[in-house]
Amino acid sequence: MSTAGDAVVRCVAAIAAAIEADRDWLTELDSAIGDADHGGNMARGWAAAAAAVGELDEPTPETVIKQTGRTLMAEVGGAAGPLYGGSLLFASAELADGLTTETAVAFAETYLEKLTDRGGARLGDATMVDAVTPAVHALRAAIEVDGATPVAALAAAVTAARRGMAATVGLRASKGRASYLGWRSVGHQDPGATSTVIICETILEVLADELDEPVPSVPAVTVHDPDA
C-alpha cells in the first residue's frame, strides 16, 4: 500500500522528469536575461534529488522534502539552490505531523515566507515569487474559503501560478541577473517563475493520479514562445 511518503517520492521523481523535458526551454528563457544555466542546473538538481529520496528506507512527507531541499542546495548552482532548496528544507518542518490540507497550506506559506526572506524579492519584481505568491494565496483560499477538494485547490494554485508567470513578461526585473538589464528585461518571461509552474503542474498531475481523480482543466495563459 502506498504511503504519503511514497507519494511524495513519486512526486519528486515526476518533477525531475518534467524539468528534464523542459530543460532546453528553461535554458532559452534564461539565455535572454541570465546566465543560460537555469535549465541545466534545475535538471541536475532535481535528478539528484529524485535519486536521493528514492534511497530513503521509510520515507515520510517531511523526510522526503527535507532530503530534496538538502540535495537541491548541494547540486543546483547559483542563487537557485538556496532559494528552492533552502526554502524547501525550512518548510519541511510543517509536514512533521503528516500531509493534510492544513499542513499543505502551512508548508506552502512557510515556503513562500522563506523564499522572500532569502531572495529579498517581492511580488512585481519579475522573479519566481510572482508565480509562488498567487499560487499560495489561491491554494489557501480554495481550501479555507471555498472548501475545495485537494485536487481542485491545487488546480486553482496552478492557474494562479501560470498567470503570475505570464505577468513577468511585462515587468521590469528588480532582482537577480535580469535586473542588470534594466528596462531591457521587459518582454522576457522569468525562468524561475516558469520552473515553478512546471513543478506545480507536475504536483497536480501526481496528486490527481494518487487520488484517482481526473486532472482539472486549467486555463491557458499567454506566455513567451522561445521559438517566436
C-alpha atoms as a PDB file:
ATOM      1  CA  MET A   1       0.000   0.000   0.000  1.00  0.00           C
ATOM      2  CA  SER A   2       1.333   3.407  -0.988  1.00  0.00           C
ATOM      3  CA  THR A   3       2.000   5.812   1.878  1.00  0.00           C
ATOM      4  CA  ALA A   4       2.007   9.600   1.775  1.00  0.00           C
ATOM      5  CA  GLY A   5       5.779   9.467   1.871  1.00  0.00           C
ATOM      6  CA  ASP A   6       5.860   7.139  -1.132  1.00  0.00           C
ATOM      7  CA  ALA A   7       3.579   9.552  -2.997  1.00  0.00           C
ATOM      8  CA  VAL A   8       5.930  12.457  -2.308  1.00  0.00           C
ATOM      9  CA  VAL A   9       8.886  10.362  -3.506  1.00  0.00           C
ATOM     10  CA  ARG A  10       6.961   9.702  -6.708  1.00  0.00           C
ATOM     11  CA  CYS A  11       6.241  13.409  -6.995  1.00  0.00           C
ATOM     12  CA  VAL A  12       9.923  14.327  -6.761  1.00  0.00           C
ATOM     13  CA  ALA A  13      10.719  11.798  -9.486  1.00  0.00           C
ATOM     14  CA  ALA A  14       7.970  13.204 -11.698  1.00  0.00           C
ATOM     15  CA  ILE A  15       9.229  16.762 -11.177  1.00  0.00           C
ATOM     16  CA  ALA A  16      12.728  15.656 -12.157  1.00  0.00           C
ATOM     17  CA  ALA A  17      11.354  14.161 -15.379  1.00  0.00           C
ATOM     18  CA  ALA A  18       9.277  17.267 -16.156  1.00  0.00           C
ATOM     19  CA  ILE A  19      12.185  19.636 -15.572  1.00  0.00           C
ATOM     20  CA  GLU A  20      14.426  17.486 -17.766  1.00  0.00           C
ATOM     21  CA  ALA A  21      11.800  17.526 -20.517  1.00  0.00           C
ATOM     22  CA  ASP A  22      11.692  21.338 -20.410  1.00  0.00           C
ATOM     23  CA  ARG A  23      15.409  21.836 -19.817  1.00  0.00           C
ATOM     24  CA  ASP A  24      16.010  23.467 -23.215  1.00  0.00           C
ATOM     25  CA  TRP A  25      13.036  25.822 -22.803  1.00  0.00           C
ATOM     26  CA  LEU A  26      14.260  26.962 -19.393  1.00  0.00           C
ATOM     27  CA  THR A  27      17.745  27.455 -20.823  1.00  0.00           C
ATOM     28  CA  GLU A  28      16.330  29.503 -23.689  1.00  0.00           C
ATOM     29  CA  LEU A  29      14.415  31.738 -21.302  1.00  0.00           C
ATOM     30  CA  ASP A  30      17.462  32.217 -19.089  1.00  0.00           C
ATOM     31  CA  SER A  31      19.790  32.919 -22.000  1.00  0.00           C
ATOM     32  CA  ALA A  32      17.880  36.130 -22.727  1.00  0.00           C
ATOM     33  CA  ILE A  33      18.183  37.627 -19.251  1.00  0.00           C
ATOM     34  CA  GLY A  34      20.575  35.493 -17.218  1.00  0.00           C
ATOM     35  CA  ASP A  35      23.440  33.009 -17.436  1.00  0.00           C
ATOM     36  CA  ALA A  36      21.622  30.411 -19.584  1.00  0.00           C
ATOM     37  CA  ASP A  37      22.125  27.821 -16.858  1.00  0.00           C
ATOM     38  CA  HIS A  38      18.711  27.555 -15.184  1.00  0.00           C
ATOM     39  CA  GLY A  39      17.615  24.571 -17.246  1.00  0.00           C
ATOM     40  CA  GLY A  40      20.793  22.595 -16.689  1.00  0.00           C
ATOM     41  CA  ASN A  41      21.083  23.477 -13.012  1.00  0.00           C
ATOM     42  CA  MET A  42      17.484  22.580 -12.247  1.00  0.00           C
ATOM     43  CA  ALA A  43      17.598  19.353 -14.240  1.00  0.00           C
ATOM     44  CA  ARG A  44      20.769  18.250 -12.482  1.00  0.00           C
ATOM     45  CA  GLY A  45      19.455  19.188  -9.040  1.00  0.00           C
ATOM     46  CA  TRP A  46      16.072  17.507  -9.362  1.00  0.00           C
ATOM     47  CA  ALA A  47      17.604  14.361 -10.864  1.00  0.00           C
ATOM     48  CA  ALA A  48      19.912  14.141  -7.860  1.00  0.00           C
ATOM     49  CA  ALA A  49      17.007  14.782  -5.507  1.00  0.00           C
ATOM     50  CA  ALA A  50      14.939  12.020  -7.114  1.00  0.00           C
ATOM     51  CA  ALA A  51      17.830   9.601  -6.678  1.00  0.00           C
ATOM     52  CA  ALA A  52      18.397  10.648  -3.064  1.00  0.00           C
ATOM     53  CA  VAL A  53      14.791  10.342  -1.905  1.00  0.00           C
ATOM     54  CA  GLY A  54      14.480   7.031  -3.728  1.00  0.00           C
ATOM     55  CA  GLU A  55      17.031   5.610  -1.296  1.00  0.00           C
ATOM     56  CA  LEU A  56      15.124   6.564   1.866  1.00  0.00           C
ATOM     57  CA  ASP A  57      14.120   3.442   3.819  1.00  0.00           C
ATOM     58  CA  GLU A  58      10.893   4.716   5.355  1.00  0.00           C
ATOM     59  CA  PRO A  59      10.023   7.972   3.613  1.00  0.00           C
ATOM     60  CA  THR A  60       7.621  10.421   5.178  1.00  0.00           C
ATOM     61  CA  PRO A  61       6.470  13.691   3.602  1.00  0.00           C
ATOM     62  CA  GLU A  62       8.781  15.593   5.944  1.00  0.00           C
ATOM     63  CA  THR A  63      11.887  13.478   5.343  1.00  0.00           C
ATOM     64  CA  VAL A  64      11.372  13.414   1.569  1.00  0.00           C
ATOM     65  CA  ILE A  65      11.020  17.201   1.326  1.00  0.00           C
ATOM     66  CA  LYS A  66      13.915  17.711   3.720  1.00  0.00           C
ATOM     67  CA  GLN A  67      16.177  15.470   1.648  1.00  0.00           C
ATOM     68  CA  THR A  68      15.020  17.171  -1.530  1.00  0.00           C
ATOM     69  CA  GLY A  69      15.879  20.562  -0.097  1.00  0.00           C
ATOM     70  CA  ARG A  70      19.312  19.460   1.041  1.00  0.00           C
ATOM     71  CA  THR A  71      20.084  17.938  -2.337  1.00  0.00           C
ATOM     72  CA  LEU A  72      18.951  20.975  -4.299  1.00  0.00           C
ATOM     73  CA  MET A  73      21.106  23.201  -2.107  1.00  0.00           C
ATOM     74  CA  ALA A  74      24.111  20.981  -2.822  1.00  0.00           C
ATOM     75  CA  GLU A  75      23.539  20.365  -6.526  1.00  0.00           C
ATOM     76  CA  VAL A  76      21.849  23.455  -8.002  1.00  0.00           C
ATOM     77  CA  GLY A  77      24.271  26.249  -8.794  1.00  0.00           C
ATOM     78  CA  GLY A  78      23.840  29.981  -8.345  1.00  0.00           C
ATOM     79  CA  ALA A  79      21.068  31.523  -6.326  1.00  0.00           C
ATOM     80  CA  ALA A  80      18.528  28.860  -7.302  1.00  0.00           C
ATOM     81  CA  GLY A  81      19.968  26.221  -4.960  1.00  0.00           C
ATOM     82  CA  PRO A  82      19.481  28.190  -1.725  1.00  0.00           C
ATOM     83  CA  LEU A  83      16.182  29.651  -2.941  1.00  0.00           C
ATOM     84  CA  TYR A  84      14.498  26.404  -3.937  1.00  0.00           C
ATOM     85  CA  GLY A  85      16.388  24.007  -1.701  1.00  0.00           C
ATOM     86  CA  GLY A  86      16.752  26.144   1.382  1.00  0.00           C
ATOM     87  CA  SER A  87      13.106  27.143   1.332  1.00  0.00           C
ATOM     88  CA  LEU A  88      12.005  23.509   0.972  1.00  0.00           C
ATOM     89  CA  LEU A  89      14.314  22.439   3.781  1.00  0.00           C
ATOM     90  CA  PHE A  90      12.941  25.068   6.142  1.00  0.00           C
ATOM     91  CA  ALA A  91       9.285  24.464   5.219  1.00  0.00           C
ATOM     92  CA  SER A  92       9.568  20.687   5.555  1.00  0.00           C
ATOM     93  CA  ALA A  93       9.049  21.004   9.315  1.00  0.00           C
ATOM     94  CA  GLU A  94       5.406  21.912   8.628  1.00  0.00           C
ATOM     95  CA  LEU A  95       4.881  18.308   7.483  1.00  0.00           C
ATOM     96  CA  ALA A  96       6.140  16.721  10.711  1.00  0.00           C
ATOM     97  CA  ASP A  97       2.622  15.543  11.554  1.00  0.00           C
ATOM     98  CA  GLY A  98       1.920  14.216   8.067  1.00  0.00           C
ATOM     99  CA  LEU A  99       0.407  15.548   4.885  1.00  0.00           C
ATOM    100  CA  THR A 100      -3.082  17.030   5.206  1.00  0.00           C
ATOM    101  CA  THR A 101      -4.793  20.006   3.635  1.00  0.00           C
ATOM    102  CA  GLU A 102      -3.914  22.042   6.727  1.00  0.00           C
ATOM    103  CA  THR A 103      -0.244  21.084   6.775  1.00  0.00           C
ATOM    104  CA  ALA A 104      -0.035  21.550   2.994  1.00  0.00           C
ATOM    105  CA  VAL A 105      -1.229  25.150   3.331  1.00  0.00           C
ATOM    106  CA  ALA A 106       1.186  25.752   6.212  1.00  0.00           C
ATOM    107  CA  PHE A 107       4.014  24.256   4.161  1.00  0.00           C
ATOM    108  CA  ALA A 108       3.213  26.462   1.155  1.00  0.00           C
ATOM    109  CA  GLU A 109       3.012  29.617   3.248  1.00  0.00           C
ATOM    110  CA  THR A 110       6.272  28.865   5.061  1.00  0.00           C
ATOM    111  CA  TYR A 111       7.976  28.099   1.752  1.00  0.00           C
ATOM    112  CA  LEU A 112       6.893  31.485   0.391  1.00  0.00           C
ATOM    113  CA  GLU A 113       7.972  33.264   3.570  1.00  0.00           C
ATOM    114  CA  LYS A 114      11.435  31.709   3.495  1.00  0.00           C
ATOM    115  CA  LEU A 115      11.738  32.281  -0.254  1.00  0.00           C
ATOM    116  CA  THR A 116      11.115  36.004   0.091  1.00  0.00           C
ATOM    117  CA  ASP A 117      13.367  36.231   3.144  1.00  0.00           C
ATOM    118  CA  ARG A 118      16.237  34.536   1.335  1.00  0.00           C
ATOM    119  CA  GLY A 119      15.966  36.287  -2.005  1.00  0.00           C
ATOM    120  CA  GLY A 120      14.557  39.625  -0.945  1.00  0.00           C
ATOM    121  CA  ALA A 121      12.168  39.608  -3.918  1.00  0.00           C
ATOM    122  CA  ARG A 122       8.557  40.669  -3.670  1.00  0.00           C
ATOM    123  CA  LEU A 123       5.545  40.468  -5.931  1.00  0.00           C
ATOM    124  CA  GLY A 124       6.195  42.528  -9.050  1.00  0.00           C
ATOM    125  CA  ASP A 125       9.974  42.078  -9.136  1.00  0.00           C
ATOM    126  CA  ALA A 126       9.759  39.629 -12.082  1.00  0.00           C
ATOM    127  CA  THR A 127      11.032  36.552 -10.239  1.00  0.00           C
ATOM    128  CA  MET A 128       9.693  33.162  -9.180  1.00  0.00           C
ATOM    129  CA  VAL A 129       7.938  34.993  -6.350  1.00  0.00           C
ATOM    130  CA  ASP A 130       5.458  36.284  -8.936  1.00  0.00           C
ATOM    131  CA  ALA A 131       4.348  32.701  -9.536  1.00  0.00           C
ATOM    132  CA  VAL A 132       4.661  31.382  -5.981  1.00  0.00           C
ATOM    133  CA  THR A 133       2.776  34.199  -4.235  1.00  0.00           C
ATOM    134  CA  PRO A 134      -0.525  33.963  -6.145  1.00  0.00           C
ATOM    135  CA  ALA A 135      -0.299  30.163  -6.098  1.00  0.00           C
ATOM    136  CA  VAL A 136      -0.026  30.059  -2.307  1.00  0.00           C
ATOM    137  CA  HIS A 137      -2.839  32.581  -1.852  1.00  0.00           C
ATOM    138  CA  ALA A 138      -5.084  30.685  -4.270  1.00  0.00           C
ATOM    139  CA  LEU A 139      -4.374  27.374  -2.540  1.00  0.00           C
ATOM    140  CA  ARG A 140      -5.297  28.724   0.867  1.00  0.00           C
ATOM    141  CA  ALA A 141      -8.434  30.491  -0.374  1.00  0.00           C
ATOM    142  CA  ALA A 142      -9.625  27.418  -2.250  1.00  0.00           C
ATOM    143  CA  ILE A 143      -9.273  25.217   0.825  1.00  0.00           C
ATOM    144  CA  GLU A 144     -10.228  27.559   3.661  1.00  0.00           C
ATOM    145  CA  VAL A 145     -12.838  29.742   1.938  1.00  0.00           C
ATOM    146  CA  ASP A 146     -14.248  27.638  -0.875  1.00  0.00           C
ATOM    147  CA  GLY A 147     -13.920  24.246   0.797  1.00  0.00           C
ATOM    148  CA  ALA A 148     -12.389  22.819  -2.383  1.00  0.00           C
ATOM    149  CA  THR A 149     -11.015  19.308  -2.640  1.00  0.00           C
ATOM    150  CA  PRO A 150      -7.223  18.965  -2.595  1.00  0.00           C
ATOM    151  CA  VAL A 151      -7.103  18.420  -6.368  1.00  0.00           C
ATOM    152  CA  ALA A 152      -9.399  21.376  -7.099  1.00  0.00           C
ATOM    153  CA  ALA A 153      -7.438  23.582  -4.701  1.00  0.00           C
ATOM    154  CA  LEU A 154      -4.149  22.682  -6.339  1.00  0.00           C
ATOM    155  CA  ALA A 155      -5.671  23.336  -9.759  1.00  0.00           C
ATOM    156  CA  ALA A 156      -6.571  26.826  -8.552  1.00  0.00           C
ATOM    157  CA  ALA A 157      -2.986  27.279  -7.399  1.00  0.00           C
ATOM    158  CA  VAL A 158      -1.654  26.185 -10.795  1.00  0.00           C
ATOM    159  CA  THR A 159      -3.976  28.630 -12.548  1.00  0.00           C
ATOM    160  CA  ALA A 160      -2.731  31.470 -10.335  1.00  0.00           C
ATOM    161  CA  ALA A 161       0.911  30.446 -10.816  1.00  0.00           C
ATOM    162  CA  ARG A 162       0.512  30.423 -14.599  1.00  0.00           C
ATOM    163  CA  ARG A 163      -0.952  33.916 -14.559  1.00  0.00           C
ATOM    164  CA  GLY A 164       1.854  35.139 -12.338  1.00  0.00           C
ATOM    165  CA  MET A 165       4.419  33.586 -14.636  1.00  0.00           C
ATOM    166  CA  ALA A 166       2.874  35.240 -17.691  1.00  0.00           C
ATOM    167  CA  ALA A 167       2.810  38.584 -15.880  1.00  0.00           C
ATOM    168  CA  THR A 168       6.612  38.574 -15.542  1.00  0.00           C
ATOM    169  CA  VAL A 169       6.853  39.243 -19.281  1.00  0.00           C
ATOM    170  CA  GLY A 170       5.589  42.786 -18.769  1.00  0.00           C
ATOM    171  CA  LEU A 171       7.620  43.539 -15.661  1.00  0.00           C
ATOM    172  CA  ARG A 172      10.996  45.181 -15.243  1.00  0.00           C
ATOM    173  CA  ALA A 173      13.212  42.807 -13.284  1.00  0.00           C
ATOM    174  CA  SER A 174      14.304  44.182  -9.922  1.00  0.00           C
ATOM    175  CA  LYS A 175      16.229  41.181  -8.579  1.00  0.00           C
ATOM    176  CA  GLY A 176      18.783  38.711  -9.854  1.00  0.00           C
ATOM    177  CA  ARG A 177      20.849  38.805 -13.031  1.00  0.00           C
ATOM    178  CA  ALA A 178      17.905  40.057 -15.059  1.00  0.00           C
ATOM    179  CA  SER A 179      17.852  43.278 -13.019  1.00  0.00           C
ATOM    180  CA  TYR A 180      21.192  44.257 -14.604  1.00  0.00           C
ATOM    181  CA  LEU A 181      19.355  44.730 -17.892  1.00  0.00           C
ATOM    182  CA  GLY A 182      17.084  47.437 -16.533  1.00  0.00           C
ATOM    183  CA  TRP A 183      14.204  48.132 -18.893  1.00  0.00           C
ATOM    184  CA  ARG A 184      15.616  45.661 -21.404  1.00  0.00           C
ATOM    185  CA  SER A 185      14.363  42.883 -19.130  1.00  0.00           C
ATOM    186  CA  VAL A 186      10.786  43.796 -20.049  1.00  0.00           C
ATOM    187  CA  GLY A 187       9.373  41.389 -22.599  1.00  0.00           C
ATOM    188  CA  HIS A 188      11.100  38.296 -21.189  1.00  0.00           C
ATOM    189  CA  GLN A 189       9.442  35.569 -19.143  1.00  0.00           C
ATOM    190  CA  ASP A 190      11.237  34.794 -15.908  1.00  0.00           C
ATOM    191  CA  PRO A 191      12.784  31.308 -15.954  1.00  0.00           C
ATOM    192  CA  GLY A 192      12.363  30.830 -12.192  1.00  0.00           C
ATOM    193  CA  ALA A 193       8.658  31.576 -12.409  1.00  0.00           C
ATOM    194  CA  THR A 194       8.488  29.137 -15.313  1.00  0.00           C
ATOM    195  CA  SER A 195      10.180  26.270 -13.478  1.00  0.00           C
ATOM    196  CA  THR A 196       7.886  26.984 -10.539  1.00  0.00           C
ATOM    197  CA  VAL A 197       4.860  26.493 -12.784  1.00  0.00           C
ATOM    198  CA  ILE A 198       6.315  23.251 -14.158  1.00  0.00           C
ATOM    199  CA  ILE A 199       6.723  21.995 -10.595  1.00  0.00           C
ATOM    200  CA  CYS A 200       3.180  23.000  -9.606  1.00  0.00           C
ATOM    201  CA  GLU A 201       1.685  21.400 -12.706  1.00  0.00           C
ATOM    202  CA  THR A 202       3.536  18.169 -12.003  1.00  0.00           C
ATOM    203  CA  ILE A 203       2.396  18.060  -8.380  1.00  0.00           C
ATOM    204  CA  LEU A 204      -1.192  18.470  -9.580  1.00  0.00           C
ATOM    205  CA  GLU A 205      -0.833  15.578 -12.031  1.00  0.00           C
ATOM    206  CA  VAL A 206       0.673  13.279  -9.398  1.00  0.00           C
ATOM    207  CA  LEU A 207      -1.927  14.205  -6.779  1.00  0.00           C
ATOM    208  CA  ALA A 208      -4.814  13.604  -9.187  1.00  0.00           C
ATOM    209  CA  ASP A 209      -3.353  10.228 -10.108  1.00  0.00           C
ATOM    210  CA  GLU A 210      -2.806   9.266  -6.454  1.00  0.00           C
ATOM    211  CA  LEU A 211      -6.430  10.121  -5.633  1.00  0.00           C
ATOM    212  CA  ASP A 212      -7.679   8.552  -8.871  1.00  0.00           C
ATOM    213  CA  GLU A 213      -9.298  11.786  -9.985  1.00  0.00           C
ATOM    214  CA  PRO A 214      -9.170  13.494 -13.378  1.00  0.00           C
ATOM    215  CA  VAL A 215      -6.802  16.422 -13.707  1.00  0.00           C
ATOM    216  CA  PRO A 216      -8.991  19.551 -13.791  1.00  0.00           C
ATOM    217  CA  SER A 217      -8.861  21.760 -16.839  1.00  0.00           C
ATOM    218  CA  VAL A 218      -6.545  24.654 -16.056  1.00  0.00           C
ATOM    219  CA  PRO A 219      -6.931  27.825 -18.143  1.00  0.00           C
ATOM    220  CA  ALA A 220      -4.080  28.502 -20.517  1.00  0.00           C
ATOM    221  CA  VAL A 221      -2.299  31.828 -20.398  1.00  0.00           C
ATOM    222  CA  THR A 222      -0.356  33.791 -22.965  1.00  0.00           C
ATOM    223  CA  VAL A 223       3.309  33.008 -22.400  1.00  0.00           C
ATOM    224  CA  HIS A 224       6.600  33.669 -24.078  1.00  0.00           C
ATOM    225  CA  ASP A 225       7.315  31.402 -27.034  1.00  0.00           C
ATOM    226  CA  PRO A 226      11.087  30.897 -27.346  1.00  0.00           C
ATOM    227  CA  ASP A 227      10.663  29.912 -30.998  1.00  0.00           C
ATOM    228  CA  ALA A 228       8.698  33.029 -31.949  1.00  0.00           C
END
